[in-house]
Amino acid sequence: MITRSNRKWIACCCAALVLVVITFTPLVIPYGIYKPMLWGIPYTLWTGVFCTIAFVILTLIATRVHPARENEAVKQ
């Protein structure tokens, strides 16, 4: 049975997979393009930083909704 927590966990896993695919596409790593610049930082660098921040936030959310967390709370 898929519970609400399991749905959130599956959504986090799917979001992580999508983010991995996006990270290694020409959307983030275009060939020979470094503009536009944001505060003097090239495009590839600031999109990489954005992807990293998104992964950290996604990891934080995933640790809160992991299905095993519910099982541990029930056992105690």
PDB file of N, CA and C in Angstrom:
ATOM      1  N   MET A   1       0.840  -1.180   0.000  1.00  0.00           N
ATOM      2  CA  MET A   1       0.000   0.000   0.000  1.00  0.00           C
ATOM      3  C   MET A   1       0.886   1.245   0.000  1.00  0.00           C
ATOM      4  N   ILE A   2       0.575   2.154  -0.880  1.00  0.00           N
ATOM      5  CA  ILE A   2       1.363   3.374  -0.980  1.00  0.00           C
ATOM      6  C   ILE A   2       0.755   4.420  -0.052  1.00  0.00           C
ATOM      7  N   THR A   3       1.533   4.800   0.942  1.00  0.00           N
ATOM      8  CA  THR A   3       1.070   5.804   1.889  1.00  0.00           C
ATOM      9  C   THR A   3       1.477   7.189   1.410  1.00  0.00           C
ATOM     10  N   ARG A   4       1.042   8.174   2.138  1.00  0.00           N
ATOM     11  CA  ARG A   4       1.372   9.560   1.799  1.00  0.00           C
ATOM     12  C   ARG A   4       2.884   9.782   1.863  1.00  0.00           C
ATOM     13  N   SER A   5       3.513   9.183   2.875  1.00  0.00           N
ATOM     14  CA  SER A   5       4.959   9.311   3.029  1.00  0.00           C
ATOM     15  C   SER A   5       5.689   8.654   1.863  1.00  0.00           C
ATOM     16  N   ASN A   6       5.183   7.496   1.430  1.00  0.00           N
ATOM     17  CA  ASN A   6       5.806   6.820   0.296  1.00  0.00           C
ATOM     18  C   ASN A   6       5.684   7.647  -0.975  1.00  0.00           C
ATOM     19  N   ARG A   7       4.556   8.298  -1.171  1.00  0.00           N
ATOM     20  CA  ARG A   7       4.379   9.149  -2.350  1.00  0.00           C
ATOM     21  C   ARG A   7       5.372  10.306  -2.337  1.00  0.00           C
ATOM     22  N   LYS A   8       5.554  10.901  -1.175  1.00  0.00           N
ATOM     23  CA  LYS A   8       6.520  12.001  -1.068  1.00  0.00           C
ATOM     24  C   LYS A   8       7.932  11.497  -1.347  1.00  0.00           C
ATOM     25  N   TRP A   9       8.259  10.314  -0.836  1.00  0.00           N
ATOM     26  CA  TRP A   9       9.584   9.730  -1.056  1.00  0.00           C
ATOM     27  C   TRP A   9       9.797   9.446  -2.544  1.00  0.00           C
ATOM     28  N   ILE A  10       8.794   8.878  -3.198  1.00  0.00           N
ATOM     29  CA  ILE A  10       8.889   8.590  -4.630  1.00  0.00           C
ATOM     30  C   ILE A  10       9.020   9.890  -5.420  1.00  0.00           C
ATOM     31  N   ALA A  11       8.305  10.929  -5.019  1.00  0.00           N
ATOM     32  CA  ALA A  11       8.415  12.231  -5.683  1.00  0.00           C
ATOM     33  C   ALA A  11       9.823  12.799  -5.531  1.00  0.00           C
ATOM     34  N   CYS A  12      10.422  12.635  -4.352  1.00  0.00           N
ATOM     35  CA  CYS A  12      11.796  13.106  -4.138  1.00  0.00           C
ATOM     36  C   CYS A  12      12.774  12.341  -5.021  1.00  0.00           C
ATOM     37  N   CYS A  13      12.585  11.037  -5.129  1.00  0.00           N
ATOM     38  CA  CYS A  13      13.462  10.223  -5.977  1.00  0.00           C
ATOM     39  C   CYS A  13      13.335  10.625  -7.443  1.00  0.00           C
ATOM     40  N   CYS A  14      12.110  10.839  -7.898  1.00  0.00           N
ATOM     41  CA  CYS A  14      11.891  11.259  -9.281  1.00  0.00           C
ATOM     42  C   CYS A  14      12.488  12.640  -9.540  1.00  0.00           C
ATOM     43  N   ALA A  15      12.317  13.543  -8.597  1.00  0.00           N
ATOM     44  CA  ALA A  15      12.886  14.886  -8.743  1.00  0.00           C
ATOM     45  C   ALA A  15      14.408  14.823  -8.800  1.00  0.00           C
ATOM     46  N   ALA A  16      15.009  13.940  -8.006  1.00  0.00           N
ATOM     47  CA  ALA A  16      16.465  13.787  -8.033  1.00  0.00           C
ATOM     48  C   ALA A  16      16.926  13.257  -9.387  1.00  0.00           C
ATOM     49  N   LEU A  17      16.210  12.285  -9.934  1.00  0.00           N
ATOM     50  CA  LEU A  17      16.574  11.754 -11.250  1.00  0.00           C
ATOM     51  C   LEU A  17      16.454  12.819 -12.336  1.00  0.00           C
ATOM     52  N   VAL A  18      15.389  13.596 -12.284  1.00  0.00           N
ATOM     53  CA  VAL A  18      15.213  14.679 -13.259  1.00  0.00           C
ATOM     54  C   VAL A  18      16.334  15.703 -13.122  1.00  0.00           C
ATOM     55  N   LEU A  19      16.689  16.029 -11.902  1.00  0.00           N
ATOM     56  CA  LEU A  19      17.756  17.001 -11.667  1.00  0.00           C
ATOM     57  C   LEU A  19      19.106  16.477 -12.159  1.00  0.00           C
ATOM     58  N   VAL A  20      19.357  15.183 -11.996  1.00  0.00           N
ATOM     59  CA  VAL A  20      20.597  14.587 -12.510  1.00  0.00           C
ATOM     60  C   VAL A  20      20.637  14.692 -14.027  1.00  0.00           C
ATOM     61  N   VAL A  21      19.537  14.362 -14.681  1.00  0.00           N
ATOM     62  CA  VAL A  21      19.488  14.431 -16.144  1.00  0.00           C
ATOM     63  C   VAL A  21      19.690  15.866 -16.615  1.00  0.00           C
ATOM     64  N   ILE A  22      19.020  16.809 -15.975  1.00  0.00           N
ATOM     65  CA  ILE A  22      19.156  18.217 -16.356  1.00  0.00           C
ATOM     66  C   ILE A  22      20.584  18.709 -16.140  1.00  0.00           C
ATOM     67  N   THR A  23      21.229  18.245 -15.070  1.00  0.00           N
ATOM     68  CA  THR A  23      22.577  18.702 -14.746  1.00  0.00           C
ATOM     69  C   THR A  23      23.571  18.376 -15.849  1.00  0.00           C
ATOM     70  N   PHE A  24      23.402  17.230 -16.510  1.00  0.00           N
ATOM     71  CA  PHE A  24      24.373  16.808 -17.511  1.00  0.00           C
ATOM     72  C   PHE A  24      23.905  17.012 -18.944  1.00  0.00           C
ATOM     73  N   THR A  25      22.898  17.834 -19.141  1.00  0.00           N
ATOM     74  CA  THR A  25      22.442  18.167 -20.488  1.00  0.00           C
ATOM     75  C   THR A  25      23.070  19.489 -20.921  1.00  0.00           C
ATOM     76  N   PRO A  26      22.971  19.814 -22.193  1.00  0.00           N
ATOM     77  CA  PRO A  26      23.480  21.110 -22.656  1.00  0.00           C
ATOM     78  C   PRO A  26      22.773  22.312 -22.032  1.00  0.00           C
ATOM     79  N   LEU A  27      21.677  22.079 -21.338  1.00  0.00           N
ATOM     80  CA  LEU A  27      21.002  23.173 -20.640  1.00  0.00           C
ATOM     81  C   LEU A  27      21.909  23.777 -19.576  1.00  0.00           C
ATOM     82  N   VAL A  28      22.668  22.931 -18.876  1.00  0.00           N
ATOM     83  CA  VAL A  28      23.569  23.399 -17.824  1.00  0.00           C
ATOM     84  C   VAL A  28      25.003  23.486 -18.329  1.00  0.00           C
ATOM     85  N   ILE A  29      25.402  22.562 -19.180  1.00  0.00           N
ATOM     86  CA  ILE A  29      26.778  22.537 -19.676  1.00  0.00           C
ATOM     87  C   ILE A  29      26.770  22.749 -21.195  1.00  0.00           C
ATOM     88  N   PRO A  30      26.501  23.959 -21.661  1.00  0.00           N
ATOM     89  CA  PRO A  30      26.501  24.209 -23.103  1.00  0.00           C
ATOM     90  C   PRO A  30      27.926  24.288 -23.641  1.00  0.00           C
ATOM     91  N   TYR A  31      28.105  23.893 -24.878  1.00  0.00           N
ATOM     92  CA  TYR A  31      29.427  23.898 -25.482  1.00  0.00           C
ATOM     93  C   TYR A  31      29.812  25.312 -25.908  1.00  0.00           C
ATOM     94  N   GLY A  32      30.887  25.822 -25.326  1.00  0.00           N
ATOM     95  CA  GLY A  32      31.456  27.099 -25.737  1.00  0.00           C
ATOM     96  C   GLY A  32      30.674  28.343 -25.332  1.00  0.00           C
ATOM     97  N   ILE A  33      29.725  28.231 -24.443  1.00  0.00           N
ATOM     98  CA  ILE A  33      28.941  29.398 -24.021  1.00  0.00           C
ATOM     99  C   ILE A  33      29.227  29.683 -22.555  1.00  0.00           C
ATOM    100  N   TYR A  34      29.591  30.902 -22.259  1.00  0.00           N
ATOM    101  CA  TYR A  34      29.812  31.284 -20.866  1.00  0.00           C
ATOM    102  C   TYR A  34      28.963  32.490 -20.478  1.00  0.00           C
ATOM    103  N   LYS A  35      28.255  33.062 -21.424  1.00  0.00           N
ATOM    104  CA  LYS A  35      27.373  34.189 -21.133  1.00  0.00           C
ATOM    105  C   LYS A  35      25.953  33.678 -21.132  1.00  0.00           C
ATOM    106  N   PRO A  36      25.038  34.187 -20.386  1.00  0.00           N
ATOM    107  CA  PRO A  36      25.089  35.414 -19.622  1.00  0.00           C
ATOM    108  C   PRO A  36      25.869  35.245 -18.323  1.00  0.00           C
ATOM    109  N   MET A  37      26.355  36.351 -17.842  1.00  0.00           N
ATOM    110  CA  MET A  37      27.093  36.374 -16.583  1.00  0.00           C
ATOM    111  C   MET A  37      26.153  36.914 -15.503  1.00  0.00           C
ATOM    112  N   LEU A  38      26.282  36.384 -14.314  1.00  0.00           N
ATOM    113  CA  LEU A  38      25.482  36.833 -13.183  1.00  0.00           C
ATOM    114  C   LEU A  38      26.456  37.192 -12.078  1.00  0.00           C
ATOM    115  N   TRP A  39      26.565  38.461 -11.741  1.00  0.00           N
ATOM    116  CA  TRP A  39      27.526  38.978 -10.763  1.00  0.00           C
ATOM    117  C   TRP A  39      28.954  38.553 -11.103  1.00  0.00           C
ATOM    118  N   GLY A  40      29.279  38.532 -12.374  1.00  0.00           N
ATOM    119  CA  GLY A  40      30.620  38.174 -12.814  1.00  0.00           C
ATOM    120  C   GLY A  40      30.893  36.679 -12.843  1.00  0.00           C
ATOM    121  N   ILE A  41      29.876  35.865 -12.611  1.00  0.00           N
ATOM    122  CA  ILE A  41      30.045  34.411 -12.608  1.00  0.00           C
ATOM    123  C   ILE A  41      29.500  33.865 -13.927  1.00  0.00           C
ATOM    124  N   PRO A  42      30.271  33.024 -14.629  1.00  0.00           N
ATOM    125  CA  PRO A  42      29.802  32.470 -15.901  1.00  0.00           C
ATOM    126  C   PRO A  42      28.552  31.595 -15.741  1.00  0.00           C
ATOM    127  N   TYR A  43      27.811  31.482 -16.828  1.00  0.00           N
ATOM    128  CA  TYR A  43      26.550  30.736 -16.870  1.00  0.00           C
ATOM    129  C   TYR A  43      26.685  29.320 -16.320  1.00  0.00           C
ATOM    130  N   THR A  44      27.677  28.579 -16.791  1.00  0.00           N
ATOM    131  CA  THR A  44      27.836  27.188 -16.369  1.00  0.00           C
ATOM    132  C   THR A  44      28.064  27.082 -14.870  1.00  0.00           C
ATOM    133  N   LEU A  45      28.825  27.986 -14.302  1.00  0.00           N
ATOM    134  CA  LEU A  45      29.109  27.932 -12.869  1.00  0.00           C
ATOM    135  C   LEU A  45      27.864  28.239 -12.043  1.00  0.00           C
ATOM    136  N   TRP A  46      27.124  29.301 -12.397  1.00  0.00           N
ATOM    137  CA  TRP A  46      25.971  29.614 -11.551  1.00  0.00           C
ATOM    138  C   TRP A  46      24.834  28.627 -11.724  1.00  0.00           C
ATOM    139  N   THR A  47      24.697  28.001 -12.903  1.00  0.00           N
ATOM    140  CA  THR A  47      23.685  26.953 -13.022  1.00  0.00           C
ATOM    141  C   THR A  47      24.105  25.700 -12.259  1.00  0.00           C
ATOM    142  N   GLY A  48      25.411  25.430 -12.212  1.00  0.00           N
ATOM    143  CA  GLY A  48      25.910  24.315 -11.406  1.00  0.00           C
ATOM    144  C   GLY A  48      25.685  24.547  -9.923  1.00  0.00           C
ATOM    145  N   VAL A  49      25.898  25.773  -9.478  1.00  0.00           N
ATOM    146  CA  VAL A  49      25.650  26.117  -8.074  1.00  0.00           C
ATOM    147  C   VAL A  49      24.160  25.977  -7.765  1.00  0.00           C
ATOM    148  N   PHE A  50      23.306  26.417  -8.678  1.00  0.00           N
ATOM    149  CA  PHE A  50      21.861  26.279  -8.488  1.00  0.00           C
ATOM    150  C   PHE A  50      21.458  24.806  -8.373  1.00  0.00           C
ATOM    151  N   CYS A  51      22.023  23.956  -9.235  1.00  0.00           N
ATOM    152  CA  CYS A  51      21.715  22.519  -9.172  1.00  0.00           C
ATOM    153  C   CYS A  51      22.180  21.921  -7.850  1.00  0.00           C
ATOM    154  N   THR A  52      23.340  22.343  -7.368  1.00  0.00           N
ATOM    155  CA  THR A  52      23.849  21.841  -6.090  1.00  0.00           C
ATOM    156  C   THR A  52      22.933  22.247  -4.939  1.00  0.00           C
ATOM    157  N   ILE A  53      22.505  23.492  -4.930  1.00  0.00           N
ATOM    158  CA  ILE A  53      21.584  23.959  -3.886  1.00  0.00           C
ATOM    159  C   ILE A  53      20.271  23.181  -3.959  1.00  0.00           C
ATOM    160  N   ALA A  54      19.790  22.927  -5.172  1.00  0.00           N
ATOM    161  CA  ALA A  54      18.553  22.154  -5.333  1.00  0.00           C
ATOM    162  C   ALA A  54      18.725  20.736  -4.793  1.00  0.00           C
ATOM    163  N   PHE A  55      19.895  20.112  -5.037  1.00  0.00           N
ATOM    164  CA  PHE A  55      20.152  18.773  -4.498  1.00  0.00           C
ATOM    165  C   PHE A  55      20.188  18.775  -2.971  1.00  0.00           C
ATOM    166  N   VAL A  56      20.785  19.787  -2.380  1.00  0.00           N
ATOM    167  CA  VAL A  56      20.851  19.865  -0.918  1.00  0.00           C
ATOM    168  C   VAL A  56      19.447  20.002  -0.330  1.00  0.00           C
ATOM    169  N   ILE A  57      18.635  20.869  -0.905  1.00  0.00           N
ATOM    170  CA  ILE A  57      17.259  21.044  -0.424  1.00  0.00           C
ATOM    171  C   ILE A  57      16.456  19.760  -0.617  1.00  0.00           C
ATOM    172  N   LEU A  58      16.636  19.116  -1.767  1.00  0.00           N
ATOM    173  CA  LEU A  58      15.936  17.864  -2.037  1.00  0.00           C
ATOM    174  C   LEU A  58      16.356  16.769  -1.060  1.00  0.00           C
ATOM    175  N   THR A  59      17.636  16.716  -0.721  1.00  0.00           N
ATOM    176  CA  THR A  59      18.119  15.739   0.253  1.00  0.00           C
ATOM    177  C   THR A  59      17.517  15.998   1.627  1.00  0.00           C
ATOM    178  N   LEU A  60      17.428  17.252   2.016  1.00  0.00           N
ATOM    179  CA  LEU A  60      16.815  17.598   3.298  1.00  0.00           C
ATOM    180  C   LEU A  60      15.357  17.142   3.353  1.00  0.00           C
ATOM    181  N   ILE A  61      14.624  17.415   2.292  1.00  0.00           N
ATOM    182  CA  ILE A  61      13.224  16.991   2.240  1.00  0.00           C
ATOM    183  C   ILE A  61      13.121  15.468   2.263  1.00  0.00           C
ATOM    184  N   ALA A  62      13.978  14.797   1.509  1.00  0.00           N
ATOM    185  CA  ALA A  62      13.931  13.333   1.429  1.00  0.00           C
ATOM    186  C   ALA A  62      14.225  12.678   2.771  1.00  0.00           C
ATOM    187  N   THR A  63      15.115  13.265   3.563  1.00  0.00           N
ATOM    188  CA  THR A  63      15.394  12.678   4.876  1.00  0.00           C
ATOM    189  C   THR A  63      14.202  12.821   5.810  1.00  0.00           C
ATOM    190  N   ARG A  64      13.376  13.819   5.593  1.00  0.00           N
ATOM    191  CA  ARG A  64      12.195  14.023   6.436  1.00  0.00           C
ATOM    192  C   ARG A  64      11.036  13.101   6.060  1.00  0.00           C
ATOM    193  N   VAL A  65      10.958  12.694   4.789  1.00  0.00           N
ATOM    194  CA  VAL A  65       9.810  11.901   4.336  1.00  0.00           C
ATOM    195  C   VAL A  65      10.158  10.444   4.052  1.00  0.00           C
ATOM    196  N   HIS A  66      11.370  10.018   4.351  1.00  0.00           N
ATOM    197  CA  HIS A  66      11.774   8.634   4.074  1.00  0.00           C
ATOM    198  C   HIS A  66      10.851   7.665   4.810  1.00  0.00           C
ATOM    199  N   PRO A  67      10.350   6.624   4.130  1.00  0.00           N
ATOM    200  CA  PRO A  67       9.408   5.687   4.757  1.00  0.00           C
ATOM    201  C   PRO A  67       9.972   4.961   5.979  1.00  0.00           C
ATOM    202  N   ALA A  68      11.246   4.700   6.035  1.00  0.00           N
ATOM    203  CA  ALA A  68      11.837   4.007   7.181  1.00  0.00           C
ATOM    204  C   ALA A  68      11.759   4.863   8.437  1.00  0.00           C
ATOM    205  N   ARG A  69      11.675   6.158   8.273  1.00  0.00           N
ATOM    206  CA  ARG A  69      11.568   7.050   9.430  1.00  0.00           C
ATOM    207  C   ARG A  69      10.269   6.775  10.200  1.00  0.00           C
ATOM    208  N   GLU A  70       9.186   6.510   9.480  1.00  0.00           N
ATOM    209  CA  GLU A  70       7.912   6.168  10.121  1.00  0.00           C
ATOM    210  C   GLU A  70       8.022   4.846  10.866  1.00  0.00           C
ATOM    211  N   ASN A  71       8.685   3.870  10.252  1.00  0.00           N
ATOM    212  CA  ASN A  71       8.829   2.557  10.879  1.00  0.00           C
ATOM    213  C   ASN A  71       9.616   2.649  12.179  1.00  0.00           C
ATOM    214  N   GLU A  72      10.641   3.477  12.218  1.00  0.00           N
ATOM    215  CA  GLU A  72      11.435   3.644  13.436  1.00  0.00           C
ATOM    216  C   GLU A  72      10.601   4.298  14.538  1.00  0.00           C
ATOM    217  N   ALA A  73       9.760   5.247  14.164  1.00  0.00           N
ATOM    218  CA  ALA A  73       8.918   5.928  15.150  1.00  0.00           C
ATOM    219  C   ALA A  73       7.884   4.966  15.739  1.00  0.00           C
ATOM    220  N   VAL A  74       7.389   4.043  14.930  1.00  0.00           N
ATOM    221  CA  VAL A  74       6.394   3.079  15.401  1.00  0.00           C
ATOM    222  C   VAL A  74       7.034   2.080  16.359  1.00  0.00           C
ATOM    223  N   LYS A  75       8.266   1.656  16.095  1.00  0.00           N
ATOM    224  CA  LYS A  75       8.957   0.675  16.928  1.00  0.00           C
ATOM    225  C   LYS A  75       9.266   1.216  18.314  1.00  0.00           C
ATOM    226  N   GLN A  76       9.517   2.495  18.414  1.00  0.00           N
ATOM    227  CA  GLN A  76       9.911   3.078  19.703  1.00  0.00           C
ATOM    228  C   GLN A  76       8.751   3.311  20.554  1.00  0.00           C
TER     229      GLN A  76
END
